[in-house]
Amino acid sequence: MGAVFAIPYARMTEWFEGLAELKHNSFKVLALTPDENATPINRASIGDKTALLLGTEGDGLSARWLHEADEAVRIPMHPVARDKGVDSLNVAAAAAIACHLLATRE
């Protein structure tokens, strides 16, 4: 819970206008996906302002929102987990890991 005091965040209720507004205000928009072809989040190109799109558990982000993002990114999974069929995390865990990885980049 302490991260809410250190990392600025917002929740958009109006996706259509909100995403355009983020881009208009120079945000780099990253879409989180388990797709192995996506850029590992720790190697993503980020700017001064970065927005992270997260989808629902199970379905994830639709193709439309993946396309609207500047870059699709993934959390690298351990090969043993991948071999056992684990390709994603619960959305709250994924959000926490992604925010940590983005916030601690040098």
PDB file of N, CA and C in Angstrom:
ATOM      1  N   MET A   1       0.816  -1.193   0.000  1.00  0.00           N
ATOM      2  CA  MET A   1       0.000   0.000   0.000  1.00  0.00           C
ATOM      3  C   MET A   1       0.860   1.259   0.000  1.00  0.00           C
ATOM      4  N   GLY A   2       2.067   1.204   0.511  1.00  0.00           N
ATOM      5  CA  GLY A   2       2.908   2.383   0.580  1.00  0.00           C
ATOM      6  C   GLY A   2       3.253   2.975  -0.770  1.00  0.00           C
ATOM      7  N   ALA A   3       3.177   2.172  -1.843  1.00  0.00           N
ATOM      8  CA  ALA A   3       3.513   2.670  -3.173  1.00  0.00           C
ATOM      9  C   ALA A   3       2.572   3.776  -3.626  1.00  0.00           C
ATOM     10  N   VAL A   4       1.347   3.787  -3.123  1.00  0.00           N
ATOM     11  CA  VAL A   4       0.416   4.835  -3.551  1.00  0.00           C
ATOM     12  C   VAL A   4       0.902   6.218  -3.146  1.00  0.00           C
ATOM     13  N   PHE A   5       1.798   6.280  -2.191  1.00  0.00           N
ATOM     14  CA  PHE A   5       2.343   7.565  -1.776  1.00  0.00           C
ATOM     15  C   PHE A   5       3.614   7.947  -2.549  1.00  0.00           C
ATOM     16  N   ALA A   6       4.175   7.000  -3.303  1.00  0.00           N
ATOM     17  CA  ALA A   6       5.443   7.253  -3.990  1.00  0.00           C
ATOM     18  C   ALA A   6       5.340   7.239  -5.515  1.00  0.00           C
ATOM     19  N   ILE A   7       4.395   6.500  -6.064  1.00  0.00           N
ATOM     20  CA  ILE A   7       4.268   6.368  -7.523  1.00  0.00           C
ATOM     21  C   ILE A   7       2.941   6.980  -7.952  1.00  0.00           C
ATOM     22  N   PRO A   8       2.990   8.016  -8.797  1.00  0.00           N
ATOM     23  CA  PRO A   8       1.731   8.615  -9.256  1.00  0.00           C
ATOM     24  C   PRO A   8       0.946   7.603 -10.103  1.00  0.00           C
ATOM     25  N   TYR A   9      -0.349   7.539  -9.901  1.00  0.00           N
ATOM     26  CA  TYR A   9      -1.180   6.641 -10.696  1.00  0.00           C
ATOM     27  C   TYR A   9      -2.560   7.253 -10.877  1.00  0.00           C
ATOM     28  N   ALA A  10      -3.266   6.728 -11.853  1.00  0.00           N
ATOM     29  CA  ALA A  10      -4.647   7.151 -12.093  1.00  0.00           C
ATOM     30  C   ALA A  10      -5.381   5.983 -12.718  1.00  0.00           C
ATOM     31  N   ARG A  11      -6.668   5.988 -12.572  1.00  0.00           N
ATOM     32  CA  ARG A  11      -7.500   4.972 -13.200  1.00  0.00           C
ATOM     33  C   ARG A  11      -8.408   5.685 -14.182  1.00  0.00           C
ATOM     34  N   MET A  12      -8.381   5.242 -15.440  1.00  0.00           N
ATOM     35  CA  MET A  12      -9.224   5.875 -16.453  1.00  0.00           C
ATOM     36  C   MET A  12     -10.577   5.181 -16.513  1.00  0.00           C
ATOM     37  N   THR A  13     -11.623   5.959 -16.525  1.00  0.00           N
ATOM     38  CA  THR A  13     -12.950   5.386 -16.698  1.00  0.00           C
ATOM     39  C   THR A  13     -13.425   5.543 -18.138  1.00  0.00           C
ATOM     40  N   GLU A  14     -12.898   6.516 -18.840  1.00  0.00           N
ATOM     41  CA  GLU A  14     -13.253   6.744 -20.247  1.00  0.00           C
ATOM     42  C   GLU A  14     -12.057   6.391 -21.121  1.00  0.00           C
ATOM     43  N   TRP A  15     -11.978   5.131 -21.538  1.00  0.00           N
ATOM     44  CA  TRP A  15     -10.826   4.651 -22.304  1.00  0.00           C
ATOM     45  C   TRP A  15     -10.595   5.412 -23.588  1.00  0.00           C
ATOM     46  N   PHE A  16     -11.644   5.620 -24.356  1.00  0.00           N
ATOM     47  CA  PHE A  16     -11.454   6.206 -25.678  1.00  0.00           C
ATOM     48  C   PHE A  16     -10.825   7.590 -25.601  1.00  0.00           C
ATOM     49  N   GLU A  17     -11.375   8.443 -24.760  1.00  0.00           N
ATOM     50  CA  GLU A  17     -10.826   9.781 -24.616  1.00  0.00           C
ATOM     51  C   GLU A  17      -9.540   9.764 -23.789  1.00  0.00           C
ATOM     52  N   GLY A  18      -9.492   8.905 -22.808  1.00  0.00           N
ATOM     53  CA  GLY A  18      -8.352   8.861 -21.898  1.00  0.00           C
ATOM     54  C   GLY A  18      -7.049   8.468 -22.565  1.00  0.00           C
ATOM     55  N   LEU A  19      -7.097   7.475 -23.422  1.00  0.00           N
ATOM     56  CA  LEU A  19      -5.874   7.042 -24.095  1.00  0.00           C
ATOM     57  C   LEU A  19      -5.349   8.122 -25.038  1.00  0.00           C
ATOM     58  N   ALA A  20      -6.253   8.755 -25.761  1.00  0.00           N
ATOM     59  CA  ALA A  20      -5.855   9.862 -26.638  1.00  0.00           C
ATOM     60  C   ALA A  20      -5.259  11.007 -25.830  1.00  0.00           C
ATOM     61  N   GLU A  21      -5.837  11.268 -24.663  1.00  0.00           N
ATOM     62  CA  GLU A  21      -5.326  12.344 -23.810  1.00  0.00           C
ATOM     63  C   GLU A  21      -3.925  12.022 -23.286  1.00  0.00           C
ATOM     64  N   LEU A  22      -3.706  10.763 -22.911  1.00  0.00           N
ATOM     65  CA  LEU A  22      -2.370  10.357 -22.465  1.00  0.00           C
ATOM     66  C   LEU A  22      -1.341  10.607 -23.562  1.00  0.00           C
ATOM     67  N   LYS A  23      -1.659  10.160 -24.768  1.00  0.00           N
ATOM     68  CA  LYS A  23      -0.723  10.333 -25.881  1.00  0.00           C
ATOM     69  C   LYS A  23      -0.516  11.816 -26.200  1.00  0.00           C
ATOM     70  N   HIS A  24      -1.586  12.581 -26.138  1.00  0.00           N
ATOM     71  CA  HIS A  24      -1.489  14.019 -26.387  1.00  0.00           C
ATOM     72  C   HIS A  24      -0.570  14.695 -25.367  1.00  0.00           C
ATOM     73  N   ASN A  25      -0.531  14.151 -24.154  1.00  0.00           N
ATOM     74  CA  ASN A  25       0.306  14.704 -23.089  1.00  0.00           C
ATOM     75  C   ASN A  25       1.652  13.994 -22.970  1.00  0.00           C
ATOM     76  N   SER A  26       2.107  13.398 -24.058  1.00  0.00           N
ATOM     77  CA  SER A  26       3.457  12.819 -24.189  1.00  0.00           C
ATOM     78  C   SER A  26       3.728  11.608 -23.298  1.00  0.00           C
ATOM     79  N   PHE A  27       2.688  10.843 -22.976  1.00  0.00           N
ATOM     80  CA  PHE A  27       2.910   9.607 -22.247  1.00  0.00           C
ATOM     81  C   PHE A  27       3.321   8.506 -23.211  1.00  0.00           C
ATOM     82  N   LYS A  28       4.264   7.685 -22.813  1.00  0.00           N
ATOM     83  CA  LYS A  28       4.603   6.462 -23.524  1.00  0.00           C
ATOM     84  C   LYS A  28       3.629   5.410 -22.992  1.00  0.00           C
ATOM     85  N   VAL A  29       2.845   4.805 -23.871  1.00  0.00           N
ATOM     86  CA  VAL A  29       1.814   3.855 -23.454  1.00  0.00           C
ATOM     87  C   VAL A  29       2.302   2.431 -23.689  1.00  0.00           C
ATOM     88  N   LEU A  30       2.429   1.680 -22.591  1.00  0.00           N
ATOM     89  CA  LEU A  30       2.864   0.286 -22.641  1.00  0.00           C
ATOM     90  C   LEU A  30       1.676  -0.618 -22.344  1.00  0.00           C
ATOM     91  N   ALA A  31       1.499  -1.670 -23.142  1.00  0.00           N
ATOM     92  CA  ALA A  31       0.414  -2.631 -22.946  1.00  0.00           C
ATOM     93  C   ALA A  31       1.005  -3.925 -22.409  1.00  0.00           C
ATOM     94  N   LEU A  32       0.572  -4.339 -21.237  1.00  0.00           N
ATOM     95  CA  LEU A  32       1.088  -5.552 -20.621  1.00  0.00           C
ATOM     96  C   LEU A  32       0.374  -6.775 -21.201  1.00  0.00           C
ATOM     97  N   THR A  33       1.158  -7.748 -21.660  1.00  0.00           N
ATOM     98  CA  THR A  33       0.630  -8.960 -22.288  1.00  0.00           C
ATOM     99  C   THR A  33       1.555 -10.136 -21.978  1.00  0.00           C
ATOM    100  N   PRO A  34       1.032 -11.370 -21.941  1.00  0.00           N
ATOM    101  CA  PRO A  34       1.912 -12.523 -21.752  1.00  0.00           C
ATOM    102  C   PRO A  34       2.551 -13.008 -23.063  1.00  0.00           C
ATOM    103  N   ASP A  35       2.269 -12.342 -24.174  1.00  0.00           N
ATOM    104  CA  ASP A  35       2.793 -12.743 -25.481  1.00  0.00           C
ATOM    105  C   ASP A  35       4.321 -12.771 -25.470  1.00  0.00           C
ATOM    106  N   GLU A  36       4.894 -13.917 -25.810  1.00  0.00           N
ATOM    107  CA  GLU A  36       6.359 -14.056 -25.792  1.00  0.00           C
ATOM    108  C   GLU A  36       7.049 -13.164 -26.812  1.00  0.00           C
ATOM    109  N   ASN A  37       6.319 -12.677 -27.813  1.00  0.00           N
ATOM    110  CA  ASN A  37       6.910 -11.777 -28.804  1.00  0.00           C
ATOM    111  C   ASN A  37       6.986 -10.333 -28.311  1.00  0.00           C
ATOM    112  N   ALA A  38       6.337 -10.052 -27.197  1.00  0.00           N
ATOM    113  CA  ALA A  38       6.372  -8.698 -26.632  1.00  0.00           C
ATOM    114  C   ALA A  38       7.740  -8.436 -26.019  1.00  0.00           C
ATOM    115  N   THR A  39       8.091  -7.175 -25.906  1.00  0.00           N
ATOM    116  CA  THR A  39       9.355  -6.759 -25.301  1.00  0.00           C
ATOM    117  C   THR A  39       9.341  -7.039 -23.802  1.00  0.00           C
ATOM    118  N   PRO A  40      10.396  -7.650 -23.264  1.00  0.00           N
ATOM    119  CA  PRO A  40      10.455  -7.775 -21.799  1.00  0.00           C
ATOM    120  C   PRO A  40      10.369  -6.372 -21.180  1.00  0.00           C
ATOM    121  N   ILE A  41       9.547  -6.233 -20.157  1.00  0.00           N
ATOM    122  CA  ILE A  41       9.280  -4.905 -19.604  1.00  0.00           C
ATOM    123  C   ILE A  41      10.554  -4.215 -19.114  1.00  0.00           C
ATOM    124  N   ASN A  42      11.524  -4.986 -18.659  1.00  0.00           N
ATOM    125  CA  ASN A  42      12.769  -4.373 -18.188  1.00  0.00           C
ATOM    126  C   ASN A  42      13.631  -3.870 -19.340  1.00  0.00           C
ATOM    127  N   ARG A  43      13.241  -4.149 -20.583  1.00  0.00           N
ATOM    128  CA  ARG A  43      13.971  -3.652 -21.758  1.00  0.00           C
ATOM    129  C   ARG A  43      13.145  -2.677 -22.586  1.00  0.00           C
ATOM    130  N   ALA A  44      11.963  -2.354 -22.114  1.00  0.00           N
ATOM    131  CA  ALA A  44      11.076  -1.452 -22.863  1.00  0.00           C
ATOM    132  C   ALA A  44      11.652  -0.055 -22.906  1.00  0.00           C
ATOM    133  N   SER A  45      11.339   0.640 -23.984  1.00  0.00           N
ATOM    134  CA  SER A  45      11.775   2.025 -24.087  1.00  0.00           C
ATOM    135  C   SER A  45      10.722   2.888 -23.391  1.00  0.00           C
ATOM    136  N   ILE A  46      11.132   3.544 -22.322  1.00  0.00           N
ATOM    137  CA  ILE A  46      10.193   4.388 -21.579  1.00  0.00           C
ATOM    138  C   ILE A  46      10.645   5.835 -21.649  1.00  0.00           C
ATOM    139  N   GLY A  47       9.699   6.713 -21.444  1.00  0.00           N
ATOM    140  CA  GLY A  47      10.006   8.133 -21.454  1.00  0.00           C
ATOM    141  C   GLY A  47       9.885   8.709 -20.061  1.00  0.00           C
ATOM    142  N   ASP A  48       9.798  10.032 -19.991  1.00  0.00           N
ATOM    143  CA  ASP A  48       9.626  10.695 -18.700  1.00  0.00           C
ATOM    144  C   ASP A  48       8.280  10.342 -18.077  1.00  0.00           C
ATOM    145  N   LYS A  49       7.286  10.126 -18.948  1.00  0.00           N
ATOM    146  CA  LYS A  49       5.946   9.780 -18.471  1.00  0.00           C
ATOM    147  C   LYS A  49       5.525   8.486 -19.158  1.00  0.00           C
ATOM    148  N   THR A  50       5.173   7.502 -18.360  1.00  0.00           N
ATOM    149  CA  THR A  50       4.793   6.197 -18.892  1.00  0.00           C
ATOM    150  C   THR A  50       3.450   5.775 -18.322  1.00  0.00           C
ATOM    151  N   ALA A  51       2.593   5.270 -19.189  1.00  0.00           N
ATOM    152  CA  ALA A  51       1.297   4.711 -18.769  1.00  0.00           C
ATOM    153  C   ALA A  51       1.316   3.222 -19.064  1.00  0.00           C
ATOM    154  N   LEU A  52       0.774   2.449 -18.155  1.00  0.00           N
ATOM    155  CA  LEU A  52       0.750   0.998 -18.289  1.00  0.00           C
ATOM    156  C   LEU A  52      -0.700   0.543 -18.421  1.00  0.00           C
ATOM    157  N   LEU A  53      -1.001  -0.141 -19.527  1.00  0.00           N
ATOM    158  CA  LEU A  53      -2.343  -0.676 -19.734  1.00  0.00           C
ATOM    159  C   LEU A  53      -2.370  -2.129 -19.271  1.00  0.00           C
ATOM    160  N   LEU A  54      -3.374  -2.463 -18.474  1.00  0.00           N
ATOM    161  CA  LEU A  54      -3.553  -3.830 -17.980  1.00  0.00           C
ATOM    162  C   LEU A  54      -4.945  -4.305 -18.360  1.00  0.00           C
ATOM    163  N   GLY A  55      -5.026  -5.545 -18.779  1.00  0.00           N
ATOM    164  CA  GLY A  55      -6.326  -6.108 -19.132  1.00  0.00           C
ATOM    165  C   GLY A  55      -6.900  -6.932 -18.003  1.00  0.00           C
ATOM    166  N   THR A  56      -8.022  -7.545 -18.273  1.00  0.00           N
ATOM    167  CA  THR A  56      -8.660  -8.401 -17.279  1.00  0.00           C
ATOM    168  C   THR A  56      -7.915  -9.725 -17.189  1.00  0.00           C
ATOM    169  N   GLU A  57      -8.077 -10.396 -16.072  1.00  0.00           N
ATOM    170  CA  GLU A  57      -7.477 -11.715 -15.934  1.00  0.00           C
ATOM    171  C   GLU A  57      -8.160 -12.661 -16.911  1.00  0.00           C
ATOM    172  N   GLY A  58      -7.385 -13.512 -17.504  1.00  0.00           N
ATOM    173  CA  GLY A  58      -7.934 -14.453 -18.481  1.00  0.00           C
ATOM    174  C   GLY A  58      -7.866 -13.887 -19.883  1.00  0.00           C
ATOM    175  N   ASP A  59      -8.729 -12.923 -20.204  1.00  0.00           N
ATOM    176  CA  ASP A  59      -8.778 -12.372 -21.560  1.00  0.00           C
ATOM    177  C   ASP A  59      -7.660 -11.381 -21.847  1.00  0.00           C
ATOM    178  N   GLY A  60      -7.205 -10.663 -20.850  1.00  0.00           N
ATOM    179  CA  GLY A  60      -6.177  -9.646 -21.070  1.00  0.00           C
ATOM    180  C   GLY A  60      -6.720  -8.480 -21.874  1.00  0.00           C
ATOM    181  N   LEU A  61      -5.830  -7.757 -22.510  1.00  0.00           N
ATOM    182  CA  LEU A  61      -6.219  -6.616 -23.337  1.00  0.00           C
ATOM    183  C   LEU A  61      -6.689  -7.114 -24.701  1.00  0.00           C
ATOM    184  N   SER A  62      -7.661  -6.435 -25.260  1.00  0.00           N
ATOM    185  CA  SER A  62      -8.123  -6.800 -26.603  1.00  0.00           C
ATOM    186  C   SER A  62      -7.069  -6.382 -27.628  1.00  0.00           C
ATOM    187  N   ALA A  63      -7.181  -6.945 -28.823  1.00  0.00           N
ATOM    188  CA  ALA A  63      -6.250  -6.611 -29.908  1.00  0.00           C
ATOM    189  C   ALA A  63      -6.258  -5.108 -30.189  1.00  0.00           C
ATOM    190  N   ARG A  64      -7.409  -4.486 -30.048  1.00  0.00           N
ATOM    191  CA  ARG A  64      -7.501  -3.048 -30.298  1.00  0.00           C
ATOM    192  C   ARG A  64      -6.590  -2.264 -29.364  1.00  0.00           C
ATOM    193  N   TRP A  65      -6.627  -2.569 -28.051  1.00  0.00           N
ATOM    194  CA  TRP A  65      -5.829  -1.812 -27.098  1.00  0.00           C
ATOM    195  C   TRP A  65      -4.359  -2.163 -27.219  1.00  0.00           C
ATOM    196  N   LEU A  66      -4.045  -3.402 -27.571  1.00  0.00           N
ATOM    197  CA  LEU A  66      -2.646  -3.750 -27.824  1.00  0.00           C
ATOM    198  C   LEU A  66      -2.120  -2.935 -29.005  1.00  0.00           C
ATOM    199  N   HIS A  67      -2.955  -2.754 -30.011  1.00  0.00           N
ATOM    200  CA  HIS A  67      -2.564  -1.982 -31.189  1.00  0.00           C
ATOM    201  C   HIS A  67      -2.430  -0.493 -30.874  1.00  0.00           C
ATOM    202  N   GLU A  68      -3.276   0.029 -30.007  1.00  0.00           N
ATOM    203  CA  GLU A  68      -3.253   1.452 -29.653  1.00  0.00           C
ATOM    204  C   GLU A  68      -2.034   1.836 -28.819  1.00  0.00           C
ATOM    205  N   ALA A  69      -1.453   0.870 -28.130  1.00  0.00           N
ATOM    206  CA  ALA A  69      -0.289   1.155 -27.270  1.00  0.00           C
ATOM    207  C   ALA A  69       0.941   1.433 -28.121  1.00  0.00           C
ATOM    208  N   ASP A  70       1.900   2.133 -27.529  1.00  0.00           N
ATOM    209  CA  ASP A  70       3.162   2.384 -28.221  1.00  0.00           C
ATOM    210  C   ASP A  70       4.020   1.122 -28.285  1.00  0.00           C
ATOM    211  N   GLU A  71       3.882   0.279 -27.269  1.00  0.00           N
ATOM    212  CA  GLU A  71       4.699  -0.933 -27.226  1.00  0.00           C
ATOM    213  C   GLU A  71       4.002  -1.985 -26.359  1.00  0.00           C
ATOM    214  N   ALA A  72       4.039  -3.238 -26.820  1.00  0.00           N
ATOM    215  CA  ALA A  72       3.541  -4.363 -26.015  1.00  0.00           C
ATOM    216  C   ALA A  72       4.710  -4.880 -25.188  1.00  0.00           C
ATOM    217  N   VAL A  73       4.484  -5.060 -23.899  1.00  0.00           N
ATOM    218  CA  VAL A  73       5.546  -5.510 -22.995  1.00  0.00           C
ATOM    219  C   VAL A  73       5.055  -6.720 -22.191  1.00  0.00           C
ATOM    220  N   ARG A  74       6.006  -7.514 -21.720  1.00  0.00           N
ATOM    221  CA  ARG A  74       5.671  -8.684 -20.916  1.00  0.00           C
ATOM    222  C   ARG A  74       6.599  -8.766 -19.718  1.00  0.00           C
ATOM    223  N   ILE A  75       6.125  -9.431 -18.689  1.00  0.00           N
ATOM    224  CA  ILE A  75       6.963  -9.725 -17.529  1.00  0.00           C
ATOM    225  C   ILE A  75       7.684 -11.028 -17.845  1.00  0.00           C
ATOM    226  N   PRO A  76       9.008 -11.041 -17.831  1.00  0.00           N
ATOM    227  CA  PRO A  76       9.729 -12.283 -18.121  1.00  0.00           C
ATOM    228  C   PRO A  76       9.355 -13.366 -17.098  1.00  0.00           C
ATOM    229  N   MET A  77       9.037 -14.542 -17.602  1.00  0.00           N
ATOM    230  CA  MET A  77       8.670 -15.665 -16.748  1.00  0.00           C
ATOM    231  C   MET A  77       9.837 -16.650 -16.697  1.00  0.00           C
ATOM    232  N   HIS A  78       9.999 -17.302 -15.584  1.00  0.00           N
ATOM    233  CA  HIS A  78      11.051 -18.297 -15.431  1.00  0.00           C
ATOM    234  C   HIS A  78      10.791 -19.448 -16.410  1.00  0.00           C
ATOM    235  N   PRO A  79      11.840 -19.952 -17.083  1.00  0.00           N
ATOM    236  CA  PRO A  79      11.649 -21.031 -18.061  1.00  0.00           C
ATOM    237  C   PRO A  79      10.946 -22.272 -17.497  1.00  0.00           C
ATOM    238  N   VAL A  80      11.211 -22.617 -16.248  1.00  0.00           N
ATOM    239  CA  VAL A  80      10.551 -23.786 -15.651  1.00  0.00           C
ATOM    240  C   VAL A  80       9.047 -23.545 -15.545  1.00  0.00           C
ATOM    241  N   ALA A  81       8.663 -22.335 -15.156  1.00  0.00           N
ATOM    242  CA  ALA A  81       7.238 -22.001 -15.079  1.00  0.00           C
ATOM    243  C   ALA A  81       6.612 -22.075 -16.469  1.00  0.00           C
ATOM    244  N   ARG A  82       7.292 -21.515 -17.464  1.00  0.00           N
ATOM    245  CA  ARG A  82       6.800 -21.567 -18.848  1.00  0.00           C
ATOM    246  C   ARG A  82       6.613 -23.009 -19.300  1.00  0.00           C
ATOM    247  N   ASP A  83       7.601 -23.871 -19.002  1.00  0.00           N
ATOM    248  CA  ASP A  83       7.537 -25.281 -19.397  1.00  0.00           C
ATOM    249  C   ASP A  83       6.338 -25.989 -18.773  1.00  0.00           C
ATOM    250  N   LYS A  84       5.896 -25.506 -17.618  1.00  0.00           N
ATOM    251  CA  LYS A  84       4.744 -26.111 -16.932  1.00  0.00           C
ATOM    252  C   LYS A  84       3.429 -25.454 -17.328  1.00  0.00           C
ATOM    253  N   GLY A  85       3.492 -24.559 -18.326  1.00  0.00           N
ATOM    254  CA  GLY A  85       2.271 -23.952 -18.836  1.00  0.00           C
ATOM    255  C   GLY A  85       1.861 -22.646 -18.191  1.00  0.00           C
ATOM    256  N   VAL A  86       2.677 -22.109 -17.293  1.00  0.00           N
ATOM    257  CA  VAL A  86       2.358 -20.825 -16.665  1.00  0.00           C
ATOM    258  C   VAL A  86       2.824 -19.716 -17.605  1.00  0.00           C
ATOM    259  N   ASP A  87       1.873 -18.927 -18.097  1.00  0.00           N
ATOM    260  CA  ASP A  87       2.268 -17.855 -19.018  1.00  0.00           C
ATOM    261  C   ASP A  87       1.896 -16.470 -18.514  1.00  0.00           C
ATOM    262  N   SER A  88       1.138 -16.413 -17.413  1.00  0.00           N
ATOM    263  CA  SER A  88       0.739 -15.097 -16.923  1.00  0.00           C
ATOM    264  C   SER A  88       0.506 -15.144 -15.424  1.00  0.00           C
ATOM    265  N   LEU A  89       0.279 -13.966 -14.883  1.00  0.00           N
ATOM    266  CA  LEU A  89       0.053 -13.797 -13.448  1.00  0.00           C
ATOM    267  C   LEU A  89      -1.314 -13.180 -13.227  1.00  0.00           C
ATOM    268  N   ASN A  90      -1.799 -13.262 -12.022  1.00  0.00           N
ATOM    269  CA  ASN A  90      -3.027 -12.541 -11.694  1.00  0.00           C
ATOM    270  C   ASN A  90      -2.755 -11.047 -11.904  1.00  0.00           C
ATOM    271  N   VAL A  91      -3.780 -10.300 -12.304  1.00  0.00           N
ATOM    272  CA  VAL A  91      -3.576  -8.913 -12.727  1.00  0.00           C
ATOM    273  C   VAL A  91      -3.004  -8.029 -11.620  1.00  0.00           C
ATOM    274  N   ALA A  92      -3.384  -8.266 -10.375  1.00  0.00           N
ATOM    275  CA  ALA A  92      -2.833  -7.459  -9.280  1.00  0.00           C
ATOM    276  C   ALA A  92      -1.342  -7.735  -9.105  1.00  0.00           C
ATOM    277  N   ALA A  93      -0.958  -9.001  -9.172  1.00  0.00           N
ATOM    278  CA  ALA A  93       0.463  -9.351  -9.060  1.00  0.00           C
ATOM    279  C   ALA A  93       1.239  -8.806 -10.252  1.00  0.00           C
ATOM    280  N   ALA A  94       0.672  -8.923 -11.433  1.00  0.00           N
ATOM    281  CA  ALA A  94       1.337  -8.414 -12.637  1.00  0.00           C
ATOM    282  C   ALA A  94       1.521  -6.899 -12.550  1.00  0.00           C
ATOM    283  N   ALA A  95       0.505  -6.190 -12.076  1.00  0.00           N
ATOM    284  CA  ALA A  95       0.600  -4.735 -11.933  1.00  0.00           C
ATOM    285  C   ALA A  95       1.702  -4.366 -10.948  1.00  0.00           C
ATOM    286  N   ALA A  96       1.766  -5.075  -9.830  1.00  0.00           N
ATOM    287  CA  ALA A  96       2.789  -4.781  -8.814  1.00  0.00           C
ATOM    288  C   ALA A  96       4.190  -5.020  -9.366  1.00  0.00           C
ATOM    289  N   ILE A  97       4.379  -6.144 -10.034  1.00  0.00           N
ATOM    290  CA  ILE A  97       5.702  -6.454 -10.592  1.00  0.00           C
ATOM    291  C   ILE A  97       6.072  -5.455 -11.675  1.00  0.00           C
ATOM    292  N   ALA A  98       5.141  -5.163 -12.571  1.00  0.00           N
ATOM    293  CA  ALA A  98       5.419  -4.221 -13.660  1.00  0.00           C
ATOM    294  C   ALA A  98       5.754  -2.833 -13.117  1.00  0.00           C
ATOM    295  N   CYS A  99       4.990  -2.357 -12.152  1.00  0.00           N
ATOM    296  CA  CYS A  99       5.268  -1.034 -11.566  1.00  0.00           C
ATOM    297  C   CYS A  99       6.633  -1.022 -10.877  1.00  0.00           C
ATOM    298  N   HIS A 100       6.961  -2.091 -10.181  1.00  0.00           N
ATOM    299  CA  HIS A 100       8.269  -2.177  -9.539  1.00  0.00           C
ATOM    300  C   HIS A 100       9.383  -2.132 -10.577  1.00  0.00           C
ATOM    301  N   LEU A 101       9.250  -2.933 -11.628  1.00  0.00           N
ATOM    302  CA  LEU A 101      10.291  -2.961 -12.654  1.00  0.00           C
ATOM    303  C   LEU A 101      10.443  -1.605 -13.348  1.00  0.00           C
ATOM    304  N   LEU A 102       9.334  -0.934 -13.591  1.00  0.00           N
ATOM    305  CA  LEU A 102       9.412   0.388 -14.236  1.00  0.00           C
ATOM    306  C   LEU A 102       9.962   1.437 -13.282  1.00  0.00           C
ATOM    307  N   ALA A 103       9.561   1.399 -12.021  1.00  0.00           N
ATOM    308  CA  ALA A 103       9.976   2.420 -11.058  1.00  0.00           C
ATOM    309  C   ALA A 103      11.431   2.292 -10.647  1.00  0.00           C
ATOM    310  N   THR A 104      12.015   1.121 -10.763  1.00  0.00           N
ATOM    311  CA  THR A 104      13.391   0.925 -10.318  1.00  0.00           C
ATOM    312  C   THR A 104      14.393   0.931 -11.460  1.00  0.00           C
ATOM    313  N   ARG A 105      13.951   1.291 -12.653  1.00  0.00           N
ATOM    314  CA  ARG A 105      14.889   1.363 -13.790  1.00  0.00           C
ATOM    315  C   ARG A 105      15.835   2.539 -13.619  1.00  0.00           C
ATOM    316  N   GLU A 106      17.016   2.348 -14.090  1.00  0.00           N
ATOM    317  CA  GLU A 106      18.022   3.427 -13.992  1.00  0.00           C
ATOM    318  C   GLU A 106      18.052   4.224 -15.266  1.00  0.00           C
TER     319      GLU A 106
END
